[in-house]
Protein backbone atom coordinates (compact mmCIF):
# COMPACT_ATOMS: atom_id res chain seq x y z
CA MET A 1 -0.04 -0.18 -0.32
CA GLN A 2 1.56 3.28 -0.63
CA VAL A 3 0.05 6.65 1.33
CA GLU A 4 0.64 9.36 -0.07
CA LEU A 5 0.43 13.19 2.31
CA ALA A 6 -1.12 15.37 1.78
CA LYS A 7 0.72 19.07 0.59
CA SER A 8 -0.98 21.02 3.09
CA ALA A 9 -3.81 20.00 5.82
CA GLY A 10 -5.70 22.07 8.40
CA PHE A 11 -8.80 23.28 9.34
CA CYS A 12 -11.71 24.49 7.47
CA PHE A 13 -11.82 28.31 6.82
CA GLY A 14 -14.69 28.94 9.83
CA VAL A 15 -13.31 26.50 12.44
CA GLN A 16 -9.88 28.48 11.68
CA ARG A 17 -11.42 31.34 12.10
CA ALA A 18 -13.53 29.91 15.68
CA VAL A 19 -10.27 28.68 16.97
CA ASP A 20 -7.94 32.41 15.94
CA THR A 21 -10.56 34.05 17.66
CA VAL A 22 -10.76 32.27 21.05
CA TYR A 23 -7.56 32.44 21.13
CA LYS A 24 -7.17 36.26 20.26
CA GLN A 25 -10.02 35.95 23.08
CA ILE A 26 -7.13 35.28 25.59
CA GLU A 27 -4.62 37.08 24.87
CA GLU A 28 -6.62 40.32 25.39
CA ASN A 29 -9.12 38.88 28.17
CA SER A 30 -6.19 37.25 30.00
CA ALA A 31 -7.91 38.59 33.13
CA GLU A 32 -12.05 37.41 31.97
CA LYS A 33 -12.66 34.19 32.53
CA ILE A 34 -13.63 32.63 28.59
CA TYR A 35 -16.58 30.65 27.94
CA THR A 36 -17.26 28.31 24.05
CA TYR A 37 -20.86 27.29 23.98
CA GLY A 38 -19.73 24.15 23.06
CA PRO A 39 -16.67 23.24 21.77
CA ILE A 40 -16.23 25.51 18.87
CA ILE A 41 -13.88 22.35 17.08
CA HIS A 42 -14.26 18.45 17.25
CA ASN A 43 -10.20 18.44 18.02
CA GLU A 44 -9.72 16.62 21.57
CA GLU A 45 -5.63 18.38 21.56
CA VAL A 46 -7.47 21.55 20.39
CA ILE A 47 -9.83 21.82 23.73
CA LYS A 48 -7.38 20.59 26.25
CA ASP A 49 -5.22 23.41 24.89
CA MET A 50 -7.81 25.96 25.38
CA GLU A 51 -9.03 24.67 28.94
CA LYS A 52 -4.94 24.74 29.84
CA LYS A 53 -5.37 28.33 28.49
CA GLY A 54 -8.50 28.53 31.36
CA VAL A 55 -11.54 28.31 28.62
CA GLU A 56 -14.37 27.13 29.77
CA VAL A 57 -16.92 24.73 27.84
CA THR A 58 -20.48 25.69 28.95
CA PHE A 59 -23.58 24.29 27.73
CA LEU A 60 -27.31 25.81 28.17
CA GLY A 61 -29.31 22.50 29.74
CA CYS A 62 -33.41 21.89 30.32
CA ASP A 63 -34.75 20.25 33.18
CA GLU A 64 -37.17 17.46 32.44
CA LYS A 65 -39.93 20.17 31.71
CA GLY A 66 -37.96 21.55 29.37
CA THR A 67 -37.94 24.38 31.16
CA LEU A 68 -34.07 26.61 30.67
CA ASP A 69 -31.40 25.88 33.41
CA TYR A 70 -30.20 30.05 33.69
CA ALA A 71 -27.48 28.64 36.19
CA ASP A 72 -24.85 28.74 33.40
CA PHE A 73 -26.92 31.20 31.45
CA GLU A 74 -23.89 34.20 32.02
CA LYS A 75 -21.50 31.37 30.95
CA ALA A 76 -22.96 31.14 28.08
CA ILE A 77 -24.24 34.43 26.73
CA LYS A 78 -19.80 35.48 27.91
CA ALA A 79 -19.63 32.19 25.34
CA ILE A 80 -17.97 32.79 22.11
CA TYR A 81 -20.40 30.79 19.87
CA ASP A 82 -19.92 27.67 17.78
CA ILE A 83 -21.23 28.07 14.05
CA PHE A 84 -23.02 25.32 13.79
CA ILE A 85 -24.61 25.51 17.37
CA THR A 86 -26.26 29.16 16.42
CA THR A 87 -27.45 28.47 13.10
CA GLN A 88 -29.92 25.07 15.13
CA LEU A 89 -30.60 28.02 17.71
């Protein structure tokens, strides 16, 4: 079997933009807690790196009656929204 390596590899434009936005926020707002609404990328290494730098992944959930749980609402408002999630809201 022959294996060929791609000339280039990386994230799609939207994912790269989201990742760059989070890292920019880390640099510019080191004193503030930074949240993402759900994981912004399906890459565990990137998520772990962001978590090491203080980024927290948060979700808004509902209770058994479908009532929005506001416990993490403030976090969600501050969150950098995952483009895939916001298109489904």
